[in-house]
Amino acid sequence: MTTSERERIGITGMEEGEIDAFLSSQGVGVLGLPADGVPYLVPLSFGFDGEDAIYFTFVGGTDSRKRELGDRADRAGFLVYKASTPYTWQSVVLSGPIASVPESEVPDLGDVMGNAWYPDAFDVAVSDDGISVYRLEIETKNGLKQTGLPPRFEA
């Protein structure tokens, strides 16, 4: 779909400041890691540093598929979206290099991870298996939004 076709139905691109504000206000997204055949997709809690990186946690033992793929991957994609109504939504796609964060740096990420959303089961899983923190350095970020009815429906 071209930009003019999107605009005709009320979908517009997001400016960098809008994307950053959106990422700062959200706490969960979908990580896409390269895998054989099709990407491995997994929902994850995340924190945004306000500039050029997002951080997320992998919970589980050393035989975790997402940990294996995350350690093997050079690059990854990440999707963050919010859909309040069929005509009110935002979607941001990020991509860049992914790497494990050294344990010595994890305590410094408290503020960055402040907006991350965690399910109740997270506390139990952390006490059972521990966590690893990963960073995705944002090289590309693109956002789209629709903020109301398409122009043809407006009075």
N, C-alpha and C. Protein backbone atom coordinates (compact mmCIF):
# COMPACT_ATOMS: atom_id res chain seq x y z
N MET A 1 0.85 -1.18 0.00
CA MET A 1 0.00 0.00 0.00
C MET A 1 0.89 1.23 0.00
N THR A 2 0.61 2.16 -0.88
CA THR A 2 1.40 3.38 -0.98
C THR A 2 1.01 4.36 0.13
N THR A 3 1.87 5.35 0.33
CA THR A 3 1.59 6.39 1.33
C THR A 3 0.28 7.10 1.04
N SER A 4 0.04 7.44 -0.22
CA SER A 4 -1.21 8.15 -0.55
C SER A 4 -2.44 7.27 -0.34
N GLU A 5 -2.31 5.99 -0.62
CA GLU A 5 -3.44 5.07 -0.36
C GLU A 5 -3.70 4.95 1.13
N ARG A 6 -2.63 4.90 1.94
CA ARG A 6 -2.80 4.85 3.40
C ARG A 6 -3.48 6.12 3.89
N GLU A 7 -3.00 7.26 3.44
CA GLU A 7 -3.55 8.54 3.88
C GLU A 7 -5.02 8.68 3.48
N ARG A 8 -5.37 8.14 2.33
CA ARG A 8 -6.76 8.20 1.87
C ARG A 8 -7.71 7.50 2.84
N ILE A 9 -7.22 6.49 3.53
CA ILE A 9 -8.08 5.78 4.48
C ILE A 9 -7.76 6.13 5.94
N GLY A 10 -6.98 7.20 6.13
CA GLY A 10 -6.76 7.72 7.48
C GLY A 10 -5.58 7.15 8.22
N ILE A 11 -4.67 6.46 7.53
CA ILE A 11 -3.47 5.91 8.16
C ILE A 11 -2.30 6.82 7.83
N THR A 12 -1.56 7.23 8.87
CA THR A 12 -0.42 8.11 8.66
C THR A 12 0.83 7.54 9.32
N GLY A 13 1.97 7.99 8.82
CA GLY A 13 3.24 7.60 9.42
C GLY A 13 3.45 8.35 10.72
N MET A 14 4.22 7.77 11.61
CA MET A 14 4.55 8.40 12.88
C MET A 14 5.92 9.04 12.78
N GLU A 15 6.04 10.25 13.34
CA GLU A 15 7.33 10.94 13.41
C GLU A 15 8.18 10.27 14.50
N GLU A 16 9.49 10.51 14.46
CA GLU A 16 10.38 9.87 15.42
C GLU A 16 9.98 10.17 16.88
N GLY A 17 9.62 11.41 17.17
CA GLY A 17 9.19 11.76 18.53
C GLY A 17 7.95 11.00 18.96
N GLU A 18 7.01 10.81 18.04
CA GLU A 18 5.80 10.03 18.33
C GLU A 18 6.15 8.57 18.60
N ILE A 19 7.06 8.04 17.80
CA ILE A 19 7.49 6.65 17.99
C ILE A 19 8.13 6.49 19.36
N ASP A 20 9.04 7.41 19.71
CA ASP A 20 9.71 7.32 21.01
C ASP A 20 8.72 7.42 22.17
N ALA A 21 7.77 8.34 22.06
CA ALA A 21 6.75 8.48 23.12
C ALA A 21 5.91 7.21 23.23
N PHE A 22 5.55 6.63 22.10
CA PHE A 22 4.77 5.40 22.09
C PHE A 22 5.56 4.27 22.75
N LEU A 23 6.81 4.10 22.37
CA LEU A 23 7.64 3.04 22.96
C LEU A 23 7.78 3.24 24.47
N SER A 24 7.91 4.49 24.90
CA SER A 24 8.05 4.78 26.34
C SER A 24 6.78 4.48 27.12
N SER A 25 5.64 4.49 26.44
CA SER A 25 4.36 4.27 27.13
C SER A 25 3.89 2.82 27.09
N GLN A 26 4.58 1.99 26.35
CA GLN A 26 4.19 0.58 26.22
C GLN A 26 5.16 -0.31 27.00
N GLY A 27 4.78 -1.55 27.23
CA GLY A 27 5.65 -2.44 28.00
C GLY A 27 5.71 -3.86 27.49
N VAL A 28 5.02 -4.14 26.39
CA VAL A 28 5.05 -5.50 25.84
C VAL A 28 5.04 -5.42 24.32
N GLY A 29 5.76 -6.33 23.69
CA GLY A 29 5.83 -6.38 22.23
C GLY A 29 6.12 -7.80 21.78
N VAL A 30 6.40 -7.96 20.51
CA VAL A 30 6.67 -9.27 19.93
C VAL A 30 8.06 -9.26 19.29
N LEU A 31 8.93 -10.13 19.79
CA LEU A 31 10.28 -10.27 19.26
C LEU A 31 10.28 -11.29 18.13
N GLY A 32 10.92 -10.96 17.03
CA GLY A 32 11.08 -11.88 15.90
C GLY A 32 12.55 -12.23 15.74
N LEU A 33 12.86 -13.52 15.93
CA LEU A 33 14.23 -14.00 15.79
C LEU A 33 14.35 -14.89 14.56
N PRO A 34 15.48 -14.83 13.86
CA PRO A 34 15.64 -15.71 12.71
C PRO A 34 15.69 -17.17 13.16
N ALA A 35 14.99 -18.00 12.41
CA ALA A 35 14.96 -19.45 12.69
C ALA A 35 14.87 -20.16 11.35
N ASP A 36 15.03 -21.44 11.37
CA ASP A 36 14.93 -22.21 10.13
C ASP A 36 13.51 -22.14 9.60
N GLY A 37 13.36 -21.70 8.37
CA GLY A 37 12.05 -21.67 7.72
C GLY A 37 11.27 -20.40 7.98
N VAL A 38 10.78 -20.22 9.18
CA VAL A 38 9.98 -19.05 9.52
C VAL A 38 10.55 -18.38 10.77
N PRO A 39 10.32 -17.08 10.94
CA PRO A 39 10.82 -16.41 12.14
C PRO A 39 10.19 -17.01 13.40
N TYR A 40 10.95 -17.00 14.47
CA TYR A 40 10.45 -17.41 15.78
C TYR A 40 9.92 -16.15 16.45
N LEU A 41 8.63 -16.13 16.77
CA LEU A 41 7.98 -14.95 17.34
C LEU A 41 7.59 -15.25 18.78
N VAL A 42 7.89 -14.30 19.66
CA VAL A 42 7.57 -14.50 21.08
C VAL A 42 7.21 -13.16 21.72
N PRO A 43 6.08 -13.12 22.45
CA PRO A 43 5.73 -11.88 23.15
C PRO A 43 6.66 -11.69 24.35
N LEU A 44 7.10 -10.46 24.56
CA LEU A 44 8.03 -10.16 25.64
C LEU A 44 7.75 -8.80 26.26
N SER A 45 8.02 -8.70 27.55
CA SER A 45 8.04 -7.40 28.21
C SER A 45 9.30 -6.68 27.78
N PHE A 46 9.23 -5.35 27.66
CA PHE A 46 10.42 -4.61 27.25
C PHE A 46 10.46 -3.24 27.91
N GLY A 47 11.64 -2.67 27.92
CA GLY A 47 11.85 -1.30 28.35
C GLY A 47 12.60 -0.56 27.26
N PHE A 48 12.32 0.70 27.10
CA PHE A 48 12.94 1.55 26.08
C PHE A 48 13.81 2.59 26.78
N ASP A 49 15.04 2.76 26.31
CA ASP A 49 15.95 3.70 26.96
C ASP A 49 15.71 5.16 26.56
N GLY A 50 14.70 5.40 25.71
CA GLY A 50 14.38 6.76 25.29
C GLY A 50 15.20 7.25 24.13
N GLU A 51 16.13 6.42 23.67
CA GLU A 51 17.01 6.85 22.59
C GLU A 51 17.12 5.82 21.47
N ASP A 52 17.96 4.80 21.69
CA ASP A 52 18.27 3.91 20.58
C ASP A 52 18.35 2.43 20.93
N ALA A 53 17.73 2.02 22.04
CA ALA A 53 17.78 0.60 22.40
C ALA A 53 16.54 0.22 23.20
N ILE A 54 16.13 -1.04 23.03
CA ILE A 54 15.13 -1.63 23.91
C ILE A 54 15.78 -2.81 24.61
N TYR A 55 15.26 -3.11 25.80
CA TYR A 55 15.79 -4.19 26.62
C TYR A 55 14.65 -5.12 26.99
N PHE A 56 14.92 -6.40 27.02
CA PHE A 56 13.90 -7.37 27.40
C PHE A 56 14.55 -8.54 28.10
N THR A 57 13.72 -9.31 28.78
CA THR A 57 14.21 -10.43 29.58
C THR A 57 13.77 -11.75 28.98
N PHE A 58 14.67 -12.70 29.03
CA PHE A 58 14.36 -14.08 28.68
C PHE A 58 14.32 -14.85 30.00
N VAL A 59 13.21 -15.52 30.24
CA VAL A 59 13.06 -16.34 31.43
C VAL A 59 13.14 -17.79 31.01
N GLY A 60 13.85 -18.58 31.76
CA GLY A 60 13.95 -20.01 31.44
C GLY A 60 15.37 -20.50 31.53
N GLY A 61 15.51 -21.78 31.49
CA GLY A 61 16.82 -22.42 31.60
C GLY A 61 17.67 -22.21 30.37
N THR A 62 18.85 -22.80 30.40
CA THR A 62 19.80 -22.64 29.31
C THR A 62 19.34 -23.34 28.04
N ASP A 63 18.34 -24.24 28.14
CA ASP A 63 17.84 -24.93 26.95
C ASP A 63 16.65 -24.21 26.32
N SER A 64 16.42 -22.97 26.70
CA SER A 64 15.32 -22.17 26.16
C SER A 64 15.55 -21.90 24.68
N ARG A 65 14.51 -22.13 23.87
CA ARG A 65 14.62 -21.89 22.42
C ARG A 65 14.88 -20.41 22.12
N LYS A 66 14.17 -19.51 22.82
CA LYS A 66 14.38 -18.09 22.54
C LYS A 66 15.79 -17.65 22.94
N ARG A 67 16.31 -18.22 24.02
CA ARG A 67 17.68 -17.88 24.43
C ARG A 67 18.67 -18.42 23.39
N GLU A 68 18.46 -19.64 22.94
CA GLU A 68 19.35 -20.22 21.92
C GLU A 68 19.34 -19.38 20.65
N LEU A 69 18.14 -19.03 20.17
CA LEU A 69 18.04 -18.23 18.94
C LEU A 69 18.56 -16.82 19.14
N GLY A 70 18.29 -16.23 20.32
CA GLY A 70 18.78 -14.89 20.62
C GLY A 70 20.30 -14.84 20.65
N ASP A 71 20.92 -15.88 21.21
CA ASP A 71 22.38 -15.92 21.26
C ASP A 71 22.98 -16.14 19.87
N ARG A 72 22.26 -16.85 19.03
CA ARG A 72 22.75 -17.18 17.69
C ARG A 72 22.53 -16.03 16.69
N ALA A 73 21.53 -15.21 16.95
CA ALA A 73 21.14 -14.16 15.99
C ALA A 73 22.07 -12.96 16.02
N ASP A 74 22.30 -12.40 14.85
CA ASP A 74 23.02 -11.13 14.75
C ASP A 74 22.03 -9.97 14.81
N ARG A 75 20.84 -10.21 14.25
CA ARG A 75 19.82 -9.16 14.14
C ARG A 75 18.46 -9.73 14.52
N ALA A 76 17.56 -8.82 14.90
CA ALA A 76 16.20 -9.23 15.25
C ALA A 76 15.24 -8.10 14.90
N GLY A 77 13.97 -8.43 14.91
CA GLY A 77 12.91 -7.45 14.74
C GLY A 77 12.04 -7.42 15.97
N PHE A 78 11.36 -6.32 16.20
CA PHE A 78 10.48 -6.19 17.36
C PHE A 78 9.27 -5.36 16.96
N LEU A 79 8.09 -5.85 17.29
CA LEU A 79 6.83 -5.18 16.98
C LEU A 79 6.15 -4.76 18.27
N VAL A 80 5.73 -3.51 18.32
CA VAL A 80 4.95 -2.99 19.44
C VAL A 80 3.68 -2.39 18.84
N TYR A 81 2.53 -2.77 19.37
CA TYR A 81 1.29 -2.23 18.83
C TYR A 81 0.25 -2.05 19.93
N LYS A 82 -0.69 -1.19 19.64
CA LYS A 82 -1.83 -0.95 20.54
C LYS A 82 -3.03 -0.68 19.64
N ALA A 83 -4.07 -1.44 19.84
CA ALA A 83 -5.29 -1.27 19.04
C ALA A 83 -6.46 -1.05 19.99
N SER A 84 -6.85 0.20 20.16
CA SER A 84 -7.96 0.53 21.06
C SER A 84 -9.31 0.28 20.40
N THR A 85 -9.41 0.60 19.12
CA THR A 85 -10.62 0.36 18.34
C THR A 85 -10.19 0.01 16.91
N PRO A 86 -11.10 -0.42 16.06
CA PRO A 86 -10.70 -0.70 14.67
C PRO A 86 -10.14 0.52 13.93
N TYR A 87 -10.45 1.73 14.42
CA TYR A 87 -9.98 2.94 13.76
C TYR A 87 -9.04 3.78 14.63
N THR A 88 -8.59 3.23 15.74
CA THR A 88 -7.67 3.93 16.62
C THR A 88 -6.59 2.94 17.03
N TRP A 89 -5.44 3.06 16.40
CA TRP A 89 -4.36 2.12 16.69
C TRP A 89 -3.01 2.74 16.33
N GLN A 90 -1.95 2.13 16.87
CA GLN A 90 -0.58 2.50 16.56
C GLN A 90 0.23 1.22 16.44
N SER A 91 1.23 1.24 15.57
CA SER A 91 2.08 0.08 15.34
C SER A 91 3.49 0.56 15.02
N VAL A 92 4.48 0.00 15.72
CA VAL A 92 5.87 0.37 15.50
C VAL A 92 6.69 -0.90 15.29
N VAL A 93 7.51 -0.89 14.24
CA VAL A 93 8.39 -2.01 13.94
C VAL A 93 9.84 -1.53 14.08
N LEU A 94 10.62 -2.27 14.86
CA LEU A 94 12.02 -1.95 15.09
C LEU A 94 12.89 -3.08 14.56
N SER A 95 14.12 -2.76 14.18
CA SER A 95 15.06 -3.82 13.84
C SER A 95 16.47 -3.34 14.14
N GLY A 96 17.34 -4.33 14.38
CA GLY A 96 18.74 -4.02 14.66
C GLY A 96 19.45 -5.19 15.28
N PRO A 97 20.70 -4.98 15.65
CA PRO A 97 21.48 -6.04 16.28
C PRO A 97 20.95 -6.39 17.67
N ILE A 98 21.04 -7.66 18.03
CA ILE A 98 20.60 -8.14 19.34
C ILE A 98 21.79 -8.78 20.05
N ALA A 99 21.90 -8.55 21.36
CA ALA A 99 22.99 -9.15 22.13
C ALA A 99 22.57 -9.26 23.59
N SER A 100 23.15 -10.23 24.25
CA SER A 100 22.94 -10.41 25.69
C SER A 100 23.64 -9.27 26.43
N VAL A 101 23.01 -8.79 27.49
CA VAL A 101 23.59 -7.73 28.31
C VAL A 101 24.41 -8.39 29.42
N PRO A 102 25.65 -7.99 29.59
CA PRO A 102 26.46 -8.56 30.67
C PRO A 102 25.79 -8.36 32.04
N GLU A 103 25.89 -9.36 32.91
CA GLU A 103 25.25 -9.29 34.22
C GLU A 103 25.65 -8.04 34.99
N SER A 104 26.87 -7.58 34.81
CA SER A 104 27.35 -6.40 35.54
C SER A 104 26.59 -5.13 35.15
N GLU A 105 25.96 -5.11 33.96
CA GLU A 105 25.22 -3.92 33.51
C GLU A 105 23.74 -3.98 33.87
N VAL A 106 23.22 -5.14 34.22
CA VAL A 106 21.79 -5.31 34.47
C VAL A 106 21.27 -4.41 35.59
N PRO A 107 21.97 -4.27 36.73
CA PRO A 107 21.44 -3.40 37.79
C PRO A 107 21.22 -1.95 37.35
N ASP A 108 21.95 -1.50 36.34
CA ASP A 108 21.81 -0.12 35.86
C ASP A 108 20.57 0.08 34.99
N LEU A 109 19.85 -0.98 34.69
CA LEU A 109 18.70 -0.89 33.78
C LEU A 109 17.36 -0.75 34.50
N GLY A 110 17.38 -0.56 35.80
CA GLY A 110 16.13 -0.46 36.57
C GLY A 110 15.16 0.57 36.02
N ASP A 111 15.63 1.78 35.74
CA ASP A 111 14.76 2.83 35.21
C ASP A 111 14.26 2.50 33.81
N VAL A 112 15.13 1.92 32.98
CA VAL A 112 14.75 1.58 31.60
C VAL A 112 13.64 0.54 31.60
N MET A 113 13.71 -0.42 32.51
CA MET A 113 12.73 -1.50 32.54
C MET A 113 11.48 -1.13 33.34
N GLY A 114 11.40 0.12 33.79
CA GLY A 114 10.28 0.55 34.63
C GLY A 114 8.92 0.44 33.99
N ASN A 115 8.83 0.61 32.66
CA ASN A 115 7.52 0.54 32.02
C ASN A 115 7.19 -0.85 31.49
N ALA A 116 8.11 -1.81 31.67
CA ALA A 116 7.86 -3.17 31.18
C ALA A 116 6.70 -3.79 31.95
N TRP A 117 5.82 -4.45 31.23
CA TRP A 117 4.68 -5.14 31.84
C TRP A 117 5.04 -6.60 32.01
N TYR A 118 4.79 -7.13 33.20
CA TYR A 118 5.09 -8.54 33.46
C TYR A 118 3.85 -9.25 33.98
N PRO A 119 3.56 -10.44 33.48
CA PRO A 119 2.46 -11.22 34.04
C PRO A 119 2.83 -11.73 35.43
N ASP A 120 1.84 -12.07 36.23
CA ASP A 120 2.09 -12.58 37.58
C ASP A 120 3.01 -13.80 37.56
N ALA A 121 2.89 -14.63 36.54
CA ALA A 121 3.71 -15.84 36.46
C ALA A 121 5.20 -15.53 36.35
N PHE A 122 5.53 -14.30 35.99
CA PHE A 122 6.93 -13.92 35.82
C PHE A 122 7.72 -14.11 37.11
N ASP A 123 7.14 -13.70 38.26
CA ASP A 123 7.85 -13.81 39.53
C ASP A 123 8.21 -15.25 39.86
N VAL A 124 7.30 -16.18 39.60
CA VAL A 124 7.56 -17.59 39.87
C VAL A 124 8.65 -18.10 38.93
N ALA A 125 8.55 -17.76 37.66
CA ALA A 125 9.53 -18.23 36.67
C ALA A 125 10.92 -17.69 36.99
N VAL A 126 11.01 -16.43 37.41
CA VAL A 126 12.31 -15.85 37.74
C VAL A 126 12.95 -16.58 38.90
N SER A 127 12.16 -16.91 39.93
CA SER A 127 12.74 -17.61 41.07
C SER A 127 13.14 -19.04 40.71
N ASP A 128 12.48 -19.64 39.72
CA ASP A 128 12.80 -21.01 39.33
C ASP A 128 14.01 -21.08 38.40
N ASP A 129 14.08 -20.23 37.39
CA ASP A 129 15.08 -20.37 36.34
C ASP A 129 16.01 -19.19 36.17
N GLY A 130 15.71 -18.06 36.77
CA GLY A 130 16.53 -16.89 36.54
C GLY A 130 16.20 -16.23 35.21
N ILE A 131 16.84 -15.09 34.97
CA ILE A 131 16.57 -14.34 33.75
C ILE A 131 17.87 -13.96 33.08
N SER A 132 17.77 -13.67 31.80
CA SER A 132 18.85 -13.06 31.03
C SER A 132 18.26 -11.82 30.38
N VAL A 133 19.03 -10.76 30.35
CA VAL A 133 18.57 -9.52 29.74
C VAL A 133 19.27 -9.35 28.40
N TYR A 134 18.50 -8.93 27.40
CA TYR A 134 19.01 -8.72 26.05
C TYR A 134 18.72 -7.29 25.61
N ARG A 135 19.58 -6.80 24.73
CA ARG A 135 19.43 -5.45 24.18
C ARG A 135 19.29 -5.56 22.67
N LEU A 136 18.33 -4.81 22.12
CA LEU A 136 18.21 -4.65 20.68
C LEU A 136 18.58 -3.20 20.38
N GLU A 137 19.68 -3.01 19.69
CA GLU A 137 20.10 -1.66 19.27
C GLU A 137 19.24 -1.27 18.08
N ILE A 138 18.48 -0.20 18.21
CA ILE A 138 17.53 0.19 17.16
C ILE A 138 18.27 0.87 16.02
N GLU A 139 18.29 0.19 14.87
CA GLU A 139 18.85 0.77 13.65
C GLU A 139 17.74 1.35 12.78
N THR A 140 16.61 0.67 12.73
CA THR A 140 15.47 1.19 11.98
C THR A 140 14.24 1.16 12.86
N LYS A 141 13.42 2.18 12.70
CA LYS A 141 12.13 2.21 13.40
C LYS A 141 11.13 2.90 12.50
N ASN A 142 9.99 2.24 12.34
CA ASN A 142 8.92 2.75 11.50
C ASN A 142 7.60 2.61 12.25
N GLY A 143 6.79 3.63 12.17
CA GLY A 143 5.51 3.59 12.85
C GLY A 143 4.37 4.07 11.97
N LEU A 144 3.22 3.44 12.16
CA LEU A 144 1.98 3.84 11.50
C LEU A 144 0.91 4.02 12.57
N LYS A 145 -0.07 4.86 12.26
CA LYS A 145 -1.17 5.06 13.20
C LYS A 145 -2.43 5.44 12.45
N GLN A 146 -3.52 5.17 13.08
CA GLN A 146 -4.83 5.67 12.63
C GLN A 146 -5.49 6.21 13.88
N THR A 147 -5.99 7.43 13.80
CA THR A 147 -6.51 8.09 15.00
C THR A 147 -8.00 8.38 14.96
N GLY A 148 -8.69 7.78 14.02
CA GLY A 148 -10.13 7.99 13.95
C GLY A 148 -10.69 7.41 12.67
N LEU A 149 -11.94 7.69 12.44
CA LEU A 149 -12.61 7.16 11.25
C LEU A 149 -11.92 7.64 9.98
N PRO A 150 -11.90 6.79 8.96
CA PRO A 150 -11.36 7.23 7.66
C PRO A 150 -12.12 8.45 7.15
N PRO A 151 -11.47 9.31 6.37
CA PRO A 151 -12.11 10.54 5.89
C PRO A 151 -13.48 10.31 5.24
N ARG A 152 -13.68 9.21 4.55
CA ARG A 152 -14.97 9.00 3.87
C ARG A 152 -16.13 8.77 4.86
N PHE A 153 -15.81 8.47 6.14
CA PHE A 153 -16.85 8.24 7.14
C PHE A 153 -17.14 9.48 7.99
N GLU A 154 -16.26 10.46 7.92
CA GLU A 154 -16.43 11.65 8.77
C GLU A 154 -17.56 12.52 8.21
N ALA A 155 -18.27 13.16 9.10
CA ALA A 155 -19.40 14.02 8.69
C ALA A 155 -18.92 15.36 8.23
